[in-house]
Amino acid sequence: MPPGIAKGLVMTELLPSWARLLPKHFTASGFVLRDNRILLINHRKHRVWIYPGGHVEPNETPDEACLREVLEETGVHCRIVSPRDETLGEPGVVEVLHVPWMVLCERIPTDTEPEHCHIDFAYVCEPLPGEGAHLTEDTRETEGIGWFTLEEMGSLSLFPDFRRQVTKLLSP
């Protein structure tokens, strides 16, 4: 039995009580970093600055969803820098995906659809060479976009957990 898993643990005990009965949606997001700055979008619906990301579509891996969502919301082509040990795969049979920097279970209250949870695979990314200088905002989902240092983020409206996550990621 893996360390940290108690014998006889019921699977629903792995989630907090508020999340057990809510529908789960798989999402993927990217902490896109460049020159000690992070790429953020001002999310239109939630009215906070956050990393680009969104729902994993059918027949799409979380890795693919992360890169697609970053491109759709910012116009930046990226690569995931989170680790991936390709030696554990089997060519043509088993592909090893990137390890997310973190995986979150996020409660999503909304006025337009039933409350649900996002199971968010969050990856650390960097722009491809030559990318990132020009940003293309998706105004259907965002009300602002930009690169920010940790200090510049001090005055931005952020979810408290997101501020802690970015602080941990960007702190030496």
Protein backbone atom coordinates (compact mmCIF):
# COMPACT_ATOMS: atom_id res chain seq x y z
CA MET A 1 0.00 0.00 0.00
CA PRO A 2 1.39 3.45 -0.90
CA PRO A 3 2.68 5.52 2.04
CA GLY A 4 0.11 7.95 3.41
CA ILE A 5 -2.90 5.85 2.36
CA ALA A 6 -4.62 4.35 5.38
CA LYS A 7 -5.80 0.77 5.11
CA GLY A 8 -9.56 0.68 4.49
CA LEU A 9 -9.77 4.34 3.43
CA VAL A 10 -12.99 5.04 1.57
CA MET A 11 -12.36 6.93 -1.69
CA THR A 12 -14.77 9.76 -0.84
CA GLU A 13 -12.68 10.47 2.26
CA LEU A 14 -10.01 11.78 -0.09
CA LEU A 15 -12.19 14.81 -0.85
CA PRO A 16 -13.50 17.45 1.55
CA SER A 17 -17.16 17.06 2.49
CA TRP A 18 -18.25 19.99 0.28
CA ALA A 19 -16.75 18.31 -2.81
CA ARG A 20 -18.04 14.76 -2.41
CA LEU A 21 -21.42 15.22 -4.06
CA LEU A 22 -20.65 18.01 -6.50
CA PRO A 23 -20.10 17.23 -10.20
CA LYS A 24 -16.41 17.18 -11.17
CA HIS A 25 -15.03 18.91 -14.29
CA PHE A 26 -11.42 18.29 -15.33
CA THR A 27 -9.46 21.46 -16.15
CA ALA A 28 -5.85 22.34 -16.95
CA SER A 29 -4.02 25.60 -16.33
CA GLY A 30 -0.57 27.07 -16.93
CA PHE A 31 1.71 29.09 -14.68
CA VAL A 32 3.51 30.70 -17.63
CA LEU A 33 6.81 32.19 -16.43
CA ARG A 34 9.26 34.51 -18.23
CA ASP A 35 11.99 36.69 -16.72
CA ASN A 36 10.61 36.41 -13.15
CA ARG A 37 7.17 37.41 -14.39
CA ILE A 38 3.97 35.40 -14.63
CA LEU A 39 1.36 35.68 -17.36
CA LEU A 40 -2.06 36.48 -15.89
CA ILE A 41 -5.53 37.10 -17.23
CA ASN A 42 -8.26 39.13 -15.54
CA HIS A 43 -11.07 36.55 -15.55
CA ARG A 44 -14.30 38.17 -16.74
CA LYS A 45 -16.68 35.93 -14.76
CA HIS A 46 -14.75 35.77 -11.46
CA ARG A 47 -13.36 39.34 -11.58
CA VAL A 48 -9.89 38.28 -10.40
CA TRP A 49 -6.47 37.87 -11.98
CA ILE A 50 -5.51 34.24 -12.46
CA TYR A 51 -3.49 31.94 -14.70
CA PRO A 52 -4.90 30.97 -18.10
CA GLY A 53 -6.68 27.62 -18.21
CA GLY A 54 -9.92 25.84 -18.83
CA HIS A 55 -11.79 22.59 -19.34
CA VAL A 56 -10.13 19.48 -20.73
CA GLU A 57 -12.05 18.62 -23.88
CA PRO A 58 -13.05 15.09 -24.94
CA ASN A 59 -10.10 13.13 -26.41
CA GLU A 60 -7.61 15.68 -25.04
CA THR A 61 -4.94 15.14 -22.39
CA PRO A 62 -4.51 17.66 -19.57
CA ASP A 63 -1.12 18.58 -21.12
CA GLU A 64 -2.79 19.40 -24.43
CA ALA A 65 -5.60 21.31 -22.72
CA CYS A 66 -3.12 23.46 -20.79
CA LEU A 67 -1.22 24.50 -23.93
CA ARG A 68 -4.44 25.05 -25.91
CA GLU A 69 -6.02 27.18 -23.19
CA VAL A 70 -2.90 29.33 -22.76
CA LEU A 71 -2.80 29.91 -26.52
CA GLU A 72 -6.54 30.66 -26.78
CA GLU A 73 -6.58 33.08 -23.85
CA THR A 74 -3.24 34.85 -24.42
CA GLY A 75 -1.97 34.13 -27.92
CA VAL A 76 1.25 32.68 -26.47
CA HIS A 77 2.65 29.35 -27.65
CA CYS A 78 4.25 27.56 -24.68
CA ARG A 79 5.91 24.39 -23.58
CA ILE A 80 5.36 22.63 -20.28
CA VAL A 81 8.51 22.57 -18.14
CA SER A 82 7.06 20.39 -15.40
CA PRO A 83 8.89 17.04 -15.30
CA ARG A 84 8.15 14.07 -17.51
CA ASP A 85 10.15 10.84 -17.28
CA GLU A 86 9.80 9.39 -20.76
CA THR A 87 11.85 6.32 -19.74
CA LEU A 88 8.76 5.02 -17.92
CA GLY A 89 6.72 4.79 -21.13
CA GLU A 90 6.70 2.35 -24.00
CA PRO A 91 7.01 3.77 -27.53
CA GLY A 92 3.77 3.36 -29.42
CA VAL A 93 1.98 1.96 -26.35
CA VAL A 94 2.39 4.16 -23.25
CA GLU A 95 3.09 7.89 -23.37
CA VAL A 96 4.28 9.59 -20.18
CA LEU A 97 2.55 12.91 -19.56
CA HIS A 98 3.94 15.86 -17.62
CA VAL A 99 3.61 15.89 -13.86
CA PRO A 100 1.50 18.89 -12.82
CA TRP A 101 3.08 21.31 -10.37
CA MET A 102 -0.11 20.85 -8.36
CA VAL A 103 -3.59 19.40 -8.72
CA LEU A 104 -6.46 21.29 -7.09
CA CYS A 105 -10.08 20.52 -6.27
CA GLU A 106 -11.73 23.94 -6.63
CA ARG A 107 -15.30 24.78 -5.64
CA ILE A 108 -16.93 26.75 -8.46
CA PRO A 109 -20.03 28.67 -7.42
CA THR A 110 -21.82 30.20 -10.36
CA ASP A 111 -25.01 32.04 -11.24
CA THR A 112 -25.23 30.52 -14.71
CA GLU A 113 -24.86 26.78 -14.01
CA PRO A 114 -25.02 24.37 -11.05
CA GLU A 115 -22.23 24.52 -8.49
CA HIS A 116 -19.45 22.09 -9.34
CA CYS A 117 -15.77 21.30 -8.74
CA HIS A 118 -12.85 21.83 -11.05
CA ILE A 119 -10.16 19.20 -10.75
CA ASP A 120 -7.39 21.46 -12.05
CA PHE A 121 -4.07 20.13 -13.34
CA ALA A 122 -1.74 23.16 -13.02
CA TYR A 123 1.52 23.08 -14.95
CA VAL A 124 4.59 25.30 -14.99
CA CYS A 125 5.18 26.55 -18.53
CA GLU A 126 7.43 28.89 -20.48
CA PRO A 127 6.87 30.65 -23.80
CA LEU A 128 8.52 29.14 -26.85
CA PRO A 129 11.45 31.20 -28.21
CA GLY A 130 10.19 34.44 -29.70
CA GLU A 131 6.80 34.14 -27.98
CA GLY A 132 5.29 36.29 -25.25
CA ALA A 133 6.16 39.81 -26.36
CA HIS A 134 2.81 40.19 -28.14
CA LEU A 135 -0.29 39.14 -26.18
CA THR A 136 -3.69 38.48 -27.75
CA GLU A 137 -6.55 38.81 -25.31
CA ASP A 138 -9.68 36.66 -25.62
CA THR A 139 -12.21 39.32 -24.58
CA ARG A 140 -15.01 36.73 -24.30
CA GLU A 141 -13.31 35.39 -21.15
CA THR A 142 -10.94 38.13 -20.03
CA GLU A 143 -10.87 41.82 -19.12
CA GLY A 144 -7.12 42.29 -19.14
CA ILE A 145 -3.92 40.38 -19.69
CA GLY A 146 -0.27 40.94 -18.82
CA TRP A 147 3.06 39.85 -17.39
CA PHE A 148 3.53 40.63 -13.68
CA THR A 149 6.30 40.40 -11.13
CA LEU A 150 5.47 39.25 -7.63
CA GLU A 151 5.70 42.87 -6.45
CA GLU A 152 3.36 44.13 -9.20
CA MET A 153 0.82 41.49 -8.22
CA GLY A 154 0.51 43.06 -4.76
CA SER A 155 -2.18 45.49 -5.95
CA LEU A 156 -4.09 42.99 -8.11
CA SER A 157 -7.34 41.31 -7.08
CA LEU A 158 -6.41 37.63 -6.63
CA PHE A 159 -7.96 34.61 -4.94
CA PRO A 160 -6.05 34.18 -1.62
CA ASP A 161 -4.95 30.64 -2.49
CA PHE A 162 -3.72 31.78 -5.91
CA ARG A 163 -1.63 34.54 -4.30
CA ARG A 164 0.00 31.92 -2.02
CA GLN A 165 0.63 29.59 -4.98
CA VAL A 166 2.29 32.28 -7.09
CA THR A 167 4.32 33.54 -4.13
CA LYS A 168 5.63 30.02 -3.53
CA LEU A 169 6.39 29.51 -7.22
CA LEU A 170 8.18 32.85 -7.74
CA SER A 171 10.01 33.09 -4.41
CA PRO A 172 13.69 32.11 -4.43
